[in-house]
Protein backbone atom coordinates (compact mmCIF):
# COMPACT_ATOMS: atom_id res chain seq x y z
CA UNK A 1 -110.22 -25.98 -174.98
CA UNK A 2 -110.27 -22.34 -173.97
CA UNK A 3 -112.93 -19.84 -176.03
CA UNK A 4 -110.95 -16.86 -175.81
CA UNK A 5 -112.66 -14.96 -178.84
CA UNK A 6 -116.15 -15.56 -177.82
CA UNK A 7 -115.65 -14.48 -173.88
CA UNK A 8 -113.55 -11.46 -174.96
CA UNK A 9 -116.00 -10.41 -177.58
CA UNK A 10 -118.67 -10.71 -174.59
CA UNK A 11 -115.89 -8.56 -172.40
CA UNK A 12 -115.78 -5.68 -175.06
CA UNK A 13 -119.21 -5.39 -175.50
CA UNK A 14 -119.96 -5.09 -171.71
CA UNK A 15 -117.18 -2.34 -171.45
CA UNK A 16 -119.03 -0.71 -174.10
CA UNK A 17 -121.81 0.12 -172.23
CA UNK A 18 -120.35 1.05 -169.12
CA UNK A 19 -120.78 5.00 -168.12
CA UNK A 20 -118.40 7.16 -169.60
CA UNK A 21 -116.27 9.54 -166.81
CA UNK A 22 -118.31 12.59 -167.92
CA UNK A 23 -121.39 10.82 -166.90
CA UNK A 24 -120.35 11.23 -163.00
CA UNK A 25 -120.40 15.07 -162.87
CA UNK A 26 -124.30 14.74 -164.43
CA UNK A 27 -125.32 12.25 -161.50
CA UNK A 28 -124.20 14.02 -158.97
CA UNK A 29 -126.86 16.84 -159.43
CA UNK A 30 -129.74 14.17 -159.91
CA UNK A 31 -131.74 12.78 -156.57
CA UNK A 32 -131.78 9.11 -156.18
CA UNK A 33 -135.12 8.11 -157.70
CA UNK A 34 -133.41 9.82 -160.87
CA UNK A 35 -130.32 7.80 -160.83
CA UNK A 36 -132.05 4.82 -160.15
CA UNK A 37 -134.13 6.04 -163.42
CA UNK A 38 -131.04 6.97 -165.33
CA UNK A 39 -128.96 3.48 -164.31
CA UNK A 40 -131.96 1.09 -165.06
CA UNK A 41 -132.04 2.46 -168.44
CA UNK A 42 -128.27 1.16 -168.89
CA UNK A 43 -127.21 -2.38 -167.20
CA UNK A 44 -129.43 -2.39 -164.17
CA UNK A 45 -132.87 -2.39 -165.40
CA UNK A 46 -133.30 -6.39 -164.18
CA UNK A 47 -132.08 -5.33 -160.90
CA UNK A 48 -134.15 -2.17 -160.32
CA UNK A 49 -137.21 -3.79 -161.68
CA UNK A 50 -136.72 -6.68 -159.34
CA UNK A 51 -136.00 -4.71 -156.09
CA UNK A 52 -137.94 -1.70 -156.82
CA UNK A 53 -141.54 -3.39 -154.92
CA UNK A 54 -139.41 -3.58 -152.00
CA UNK A 55 -136.55 -1.19 -151.67
CA UNK A 56 -136.34 2.69 -152.59
CA UNK A 57 -133.97 5.22 -152.39
CA UNK A 58 -130.21 4.56 -151.92
CA UNK A 59 -130.87 0.80 -150.66
CA UNK A 60 -132.77 0.51 -154.18
CA UNK A 61 -129.78 1.65 -155.93
CA UNK A 62 -126.81 0.04 -153.76
CA UNK A 63 -128.81 -3.52 -153.58
CA UNK A 64 -129.24 -3.44 -157.81
CA UNK A 65 -125.57 -2.36 -158.08
CA UNK A 66 -123.96 -5.21 -156.13
CA UNK A 67 -126.62 -7.68 -157.43
CA UNK A 68 -125.54 -6.97 -161.00
CA UNK A 69 -121.63 -7.70 -160.38
CA UNK A 70 -122.42 -10.80 -159.01
CA UNK A 71 -124.10 -11.58 -162.06
CA UNK A 72 -121.27 -10.35 -164.67
CA UNK A 73 -119.13 -12.10 -162.50
CA UNK A 74 -121.38 -15.55 -162.76
CA UNK A 75 -122.09 -14.81 -166.49
CA UNK A 76 -118.49 -14.60 -167.36
CA UNK A 77 -117.25 -18.39 -165.31
CA UNK A 78 -120.18 -19.33 -167.39
CA UNK A 79 -119.88 -18.20 -170.49
CA UNK A 80 -116.04 -19.63 -170.22
CA UNK A 81 -114.25 -22.99 -171.05
CA UNK A 82 -111.00 -25.02 -170.49
CA UNK A 83 -108.15 -23.12 -168.90
CA UNK A 84 -109.84 -19.59 -169.42
CA UNK A 85 -112.35 -20.59 -166.74
CA UNK A 86 -109.77 -22.41 -164.75
CA UNK A 87 -108.03 -18.87 -164.43
CA UNK A 88 -111.50 -16.85 -163.80
CA UNK A 89 -112.48 -19.32 -161.23
CA UNK A 90 -109.15 -18.41 -159.08
CA UNK A 91 -109.45 -15.03 -160.48
CA UNK A 92 -112.88 -14.64 -158.60
CA UNK A 93 -112.16 -15.72 -155.34
CA UNK A 94 -111.49 -12.30 -154.63
CA UNK A 95 -115.03 -11.24 -154.78
CA UNK A 96 -115.95 -14.10 -151.87
CA UNK A 97 -113.46 -12.94 -149.93
CA UNK A 98 -114.86 -9.07 -150.24
CA UNK A 99 -117.30 -10.50 -149.42
CA UNK A 100 -116.59 -12.31 -146.35
CA UNK A 101 -114.76 -9.25 -145.03
CA UNK A 102 -118.24 -7.40 -145.42
CA UNK A 103 -120.07 -10.11 -143.35
CA UNK A 104 -117.27 -10.08 -140.78
CA UNK A 105 -117.81 -6.19 -140.62
CA UNK A 106 -121.44 -5.85 -140.87
CA UNK A 107 -121.56 -8.55 -138.11
CA UNK A 108 -119.19 -6.61 -135.87
CA UNK A 109 -121.36 -3.55 -136.58
CA UNK A 110 -124.39 -5.31 -135.30
CA UNK A 111 -126.39 -5.25 -139.01
CA UNK A 112 -129.24 -7.12 -139.52
CA UNK A 113 -129.66 -9.74 -142.05
CA UNK A 114 -131.61 -7.05 -144.94
CA UNK A 115 -128.16 -4.84 -144.12
CA UNK A 116 -126.02 -7.08 -144.98
CA UNK A 117 -127.27 -8.66 -148.30
CA UNK A 118 -126.93 -5.03 -149.80
CA UNK A 119 -123.06 -5.12 -148.95
CA UNK A 120 -122.87 -8.58 -150.48
CA UNK A 121 -122.71 -10.09 -153.97
CA UNK A 122 -122.81 -13.78 -154.27
CA UNK A 123 -121.57 -15.54 -157.29
CA UNK A 124 -123.36 -18.72 -157.73
CA UNK A 125 -126.24 -20.50 -155.23
CA UNK A 126 -123.61 -22.25 -152.98
CA UNK A 127 -121.94 -18.88 -152.11
CA UNK A 128 -125.75 -17.69 -151.02
CA UNK A 129 -126.24 -20.96 -149.20
CA UNK A 130 -122.84 -20.06 -147.06
CA UNK A 131 -124.03 -16.47 -146.54
CA UNK A 132 -127.55 -16.92 -145.28
CA UNK A 133 -125.84 -19.23 -142.78
CA UNK A 134 -123.35 -16.50 -141.39
CA UNK A 135 -126.05 -13.42 -141.75
CA UNK A 136 -127.25 -15.10 -138.70
CA UNK A 137 -124.32 -14.82 -136.58
CA UNK A 138 -124.27 -12.90 -133.69
CA UNK A 139 -120.38 -12.13 -132.98
CA UNK A 140 -117.38 -12.34 -135.36
CA UNK A 141 -116.47 -15.52 -133.48
CA UNK A 142 -119.80 -16.80 -134.68
CA UNK A 143 -119.05 -16.22 -138.47
CA UNK A 144 -115.30 -17.90 -137.97
CA UNK A 145 -117.13 -20.58 -136.43
CA UNK A 146 -119.94 -20.72 -139.01
CA UNK A 147 -116.91 -21.15 -141.94
CA UNK A 148 -115.52 -24.90 -140.26
CA UNK A 149 -114.91 -26.88 -143.14
CA UNK A 150 -113.78 -24.22 -145.97
CA UNK A 151 -110.56 -22.83 -146.47
CA UNK A 152 -111.12 -19.93 -144.58
CA UNK A 153 -111.68 -21.30 -141.35
CA UNK A 154 -108.20 -22.40 -140.07
CA UNK A 155 -106.54 -19.11 -141.45
CA UNK A 156 -109.43 -16.89 -139.72
CA UNK A 157 -109.41 -18.90 -136.27
CA UNK A 158 -105.54 -18.42 -136.05
CA UNK A 159 -105.69 -14.55 -136.78
CA UNK A 160 -108.78 -14.24 -134.33
CA UNK A 161 -106.58 -16.24 -131.60
CA UNK A 162 -103.25 -14.41 -132.06
CA UNK A 163 -104.77 -10.38 -132.28
CA UNK A 164 -103.58 -8.16 -129.88
CA UNK A 165 -107.21 -5.97 -129.57
CA UNK A 166 -110.77 -5.99 -130.92
CA UNK A 167 -109.27 -4.59 -134.70
CA UNK A 168 -110.52 -6.55 -137.32
CA UNK A 169 -107.25 -5.77 -139.60
CA UNK A 170 -105.67 -9.39 -138.88
CA UNK A 171 -108.75 -11.00 -140.15
CA UNK A 172 -108.87 -9.01 -143.18
CA UNK A 173 -105.47 -9.32 -143.54
CA UNK A 174 -105.43 -13.46 -143.61
CA UNK A 175 -108.56 -13.62 -145.69
CA UNK A 176 -106.01 -11.61 -148.40
CA UNK A 177 -103.48 -13.94 -148.14
CA UNK A 178 -105.54 -16.98 -148.66
CA UNK A 179 -106.56 -15.33 -151.65
CA UNK A 180 -103.16 -13.93 -152.92
CA UNK A 181 -101.34 -16.94 -152.44
CA UNK A 182 -103.99 -19.19 -154.18
CA UNK A 183 -103.99 -16.81 -157.06
CA UNK A 184 -100.09 -17.36 -157.35
CA UNK A 185 -100.07 -21.02 -156.66
CA UNK A 186 -102.68 -21.90 -159.23
CA UNK A 187 -101.22 -20.40 -162.61
CA UNK A 188 -101.87 -22.46 -165.42
CA UNK A 189 -98.79 -23.42 -168.46
CA UNK A 190 -99.21 -22.32 -171.70
CA UNK A 191 -98.10 -19.87 -174.29
CA UNK A 192 -98.53 -16.25 -174.52
CA UNK A 193 -102.09 -15.99 -173.39
CA UNK A 194 -100.97 -17.22 -169.96
CA UNK A 195 -97.66 -15.18 -169.91
CA UNK A 196 -99.50 -11.88 -170.05
CA UNK A 197 -101.85 -13.46 -167.16
CA UNK A 198 -98.67 -14.11 -165.26
CA UNK A 199 -97.47 -10.31 -165.86
CA UNK A 200 -101.15 -9.50 -164.61
CA UNK A 201 -100.46 -11.15 -161.51
CA UNK A 202 -96.86 -10.14 -160.69
CA UNK A 203 -98.64 -6.28 -161.01
CA UNK A 204 -101.18 -7.14 -158.83
CA UNK A 205 -99.05 -9.13 -156.13
CA UNK A 206 -96.42 -6.14 -156.23
CA UNK A 207 -99.60 -3.56 -155.50
CA UNK A 208 -101.00 -5.59 -152.86
CA UNK A 209 -97.32 -5.72 -151.22
CA UNK A 210 -96.82 -2.56 -151.53
CA UNK A 211 -100.16 -1.15 -150.05
CA UNK A 212 -99.39 -3.25 -147.26
CA UNK A 213 -96.23 -1.82 -146.36
CA UNK A 214 -97.39 1.79 -146.95
CA UNK A 215 -100.04 1.23 -144.35
CA UNK A 216 -97.56 -0.55 -141.66
CA UNK A 217 -94.74 1.75 -142.41
CA UNK A 218 -96.71 4.98 -142.01
CA UNK A 219 -97.95 3.66 -138.57
CA UNK A 220 -94.62 2.87 -137.47
CA UNK A 221 -94.94 -0.92 -137.81
CA UNK A 222 -91.68 -2.62 -139.13
CA UNK A 223 -92.97 -6.17 -138.31
CA UNK A 224 -95.40 -8.70 -139.61
CA UNK A 225 -93.49 -9.06 -143.11
CA UNK A 226 -95.37 -12.57 -142.75
CA UNK A 227 -98.19 -10.93 -144.83
CA UNK A 228 -96.12 -10.17 -147.77
CA UNK A 229 -96.92 -12.45 -150.69
CA UNK A 230 -94.35 -14.44 -152.73
CA UNK A 231 -94.65 -13.87 -156.40
CA UNK A 232 -94.56 -10.78 -158.00
CA UNK A 233 -91.56 -8.81 -159.71
CA UNK A 234 -90.27 -7.08 -156.70
CA UNK A 235 -88.30 -8.78 -154.25
CA UNK A 236 -89.80 -9.64 -150.78
CA UNK A 237 -86.50 -9.84 -149.18
CA UNK A 238 -85.96 -6.44 -150.36
CA UNK A 239 -89.38 -5.10 -149.35
CA UNK A 240 -89.25 -6.56 -145.82
CA UNK A 241 -85.84 -4.70 -145.27
CA UNK A 242 -87.42 -1.11 -145.23
CA UNK A 243 -88.20 0.63 -141.60
CA UNK A 244 -89.71 3.49 -142.83
CA UNK A 245 -92.24 5.08 -145.85
CA UNK A 246 -88.36 6.45 -146.61
CA UNK A 247 -86.95 3.06 -146.86
CA UNK A 248 -90.12 1.92 -148.93
CA UNK A 249 -89.39 4.44 -151.49
CA UNK A 250 -85.81 4.30 -151.98
CA UNK A 251 -86.28 0.15 -152.29
CA UNK A 252 -88.89 1.20 -155.58
CA UNK A 253 -86.33 3.32 -156.92
CA UNK A 254 -85.79 2.61 -160.58
CA UNK A 255 -89.24 1.19 -160.97
CA UNK A 256 -92.85 2.48 -162.04
CA UNK A 257 -93.65 2.47 -158.52
CA UNK A 258 -91.49 5.12 -157.18
CA UNK A 259 -92.62 7.85 -160.13
CA UNK A 260 -96.52 7.03 -158.81
CA UNK A 261 -95.69 7.38 -155.06
CA UNK A 262 -93.01 9.89 -154.67
CA UNK A 263 -94.89 13.11 -155.00
CA UNK A 264 -97.62 12.15 -152.82
CA UNK A 265 -94.80 10.91 -149.92
CA UNK A 266 -92.67 14.07 -149.34
CA UNK A 267 -91.24 14.36 -145.91
CA UNK A 268 -93.45 17.56 -145.07
CA UNK A 269 -96.72 15.92 -146.38
CA UNK A 270 -97.53 12.33 -146.77
CA UNK A 271 -100.91 11.35 -148.49
CA UNK A 272 -101.35 7.72 -148.35
CA UNK A 273 -104.89 7.97 -150.00
CA UNK A 274 -103.63 9.78 -153.62
CA UNK A 275 -101.09 6.52 -152.84
CA UNK A 276 -103.36 4.17 -153.73
CA UNK A 277 -105.56 5.71 -155.88
CA UNK A 278 -102.07 5.91 -157.91
CA UNK A 279 -101.49 2.65 -157.78
CA UNK A 280 -105.09 1.37 -158.99
CA UNK A 281 -105.17 3.81 -161.63
CA UNK A 282 -101.57 2.09 -162.84
CA UNK A 283 -103.45 -1.35 -161.91
CA UNK A 284 -106.46 0.04 -164.16
CA UNK A 285 -104.38 1.05 -167.09
CA UNK A 286 -102.00 -1.62 -167.27
CA UNK A 287 -104.76 -4.02 -167.84
CA UNK A 288 -106.01 -2.24 -170.34
CA UNK A 289 -103.17 -2.00 -172.44
CA UNK A 290 -102.88 -5.57 -171.68
CA UNK A 291 -106.28 -6.51 -173.17
CA UNK A 292 -105.43 -4.68 -175.94
CA UNK A 293 -102.05 -6.15 -176.78
CA UNK A 294 -103.32 -9.74 -176.00
CA UNK A 295 -106.85 -9.77 -177.21
CA UNK A 296 -107.19 -13.73 -177.19
CA UNK A 297 -106.35 -13.95 -173.65
CA UNK A 298 -108.45 -13.57 -169.78
CA UNK A 299 -107.11 -9.80 -169.83
CA UNK A 300 -110.11 -8.41 -171.73
CA UNK A 301 -112.46 -9.72 -169.26
CA UNK A 302 -109.95 -8.64 -166.17
CA UNK A 303 -110.04 -5.44 -167.76
CA UNK A 304 -113.74 -5.35 -168.14
CA UNK A 305 -114.21 -6.28 -164.42
CA UNK A 306 -111.96 -3.93 -163.01
CA UNK A 307 -113.68 -1.09 -164.90
CA UNK A 308 -116.97 -2.68 -163.72
CA UNK A 309 -116.52 -2.63 -160.16
CA UNK A 310 -114.73 1.06 -160.55
CA UNK A 311 -118.15 1.79 -161.74
CA UNK A 312 -120.17 0.32 -159.09
CA UNK A 313 -118.17 1.64 -156.25
CA UNK A 314 -118.32 5.22 -158.28
CA UNK A 315 -122.15 5.05 -158.10
CA UNK A 316 -122.51 3.69 -154.48
CA UNK A 317 -119.91 6.70 -153.77
CA UNK A 318 -122.44 9.29 -154.99
CA UNK A 319 -125.47 7.80 -153.68
CA UNK A 320 -124.11 7.20 -149.75
CA UNK A 321 -122.41 10.56 -150.10
CA UNK A 322 -125.78 12.11 -151.42
CA UNK A 323 -127.53 10.07 -148.29
CA UNK A 324 -125.08 11.71 -145.80
CA UNK A 325 -125.77 14.92 -147.05
CA UNK A 326 -122.14 15.52 -148.44
CA UNK A 327 -121.08 18.36 -150.66
CA UNK A 328 -120.53 17.53 -154.53
CA UNK A 329 -116.82 18.60 -154.31
CA UNK A 330 -116.51 16.10 -151.38
CA UNK A 331 -118.06 13.21 -153.54
CA UNK A 332 -116.32 14.27 -156.41
CA UNK A 333 -113.16 13.51 -154.41
CA UNK A 334 -114.70 9.97 -153.80
CA UNK A 335 -115.04 9.03 -157.14
CA UNK A 336 -112.81 7.38 -159.41
CA UNK A 337 -112.28 7.95 -163.15
């Protein structure tokens, strides 16, 4: 039996302790050591204390952020029971896919184990064991070979063999397809609590498909429709028939997505970053609304995790931007609030 009320209460409690939007302007004017002390007084004390004797500056903060996010995901998996836990277990595959992407990118850039660990958030001990094996890889091919016996091996091997360049995009696309197909095919049956989760999945799949087409159509690619995912509210046939960004925008007329994208897809000005930002903002707002309308569902947890991911992303953008010597104005453009 699912324990929605208990887990939703934990999610709302943690959500109340996230950084308010106005805090990011304050952080822009602090040095790394001051930022570390600031977040230590929030939810990151355990991680700052744990790594403070061996790391400092941006490395300390980034490691603490990634570790704390992994702990949060693991906590909610352990808090949950029944159908709720099953749903979260499938959703949490997102973090494993992101971890594998980061490892593949890192190995491709000849990163050492220490730097790779700062990019990865293992959810449990079995993840840690797998990633420790992957850190020793010398090439991307070694990473994929080490994944033999997992659900990732065959799709990645096929993508590696069929790619026409050294680009990692086909490998990342293969990982995304694994995640989304698993998400769509493992929807539980049930009442209102499950129905709102289905709506969330439709939204997530729609946005993933639109992002894929934005990337491809902007580069003049009209093929590779196998990268589109069934399970959204927008017809795959309709989306795959588009040949350009104009076609894509036309296919979305009458939907909220048209309103979100149209200002950024003008004939004389195409801004894909703003498109992605608008889609992500829409996802966050809809998830928040779902969480309030359906408090006894998985949505309060998903709403919290999306907000937590955003907080970690923003803090990493600030510390790495400062480390790179970027101006506050440029860093502000990277921060999503």
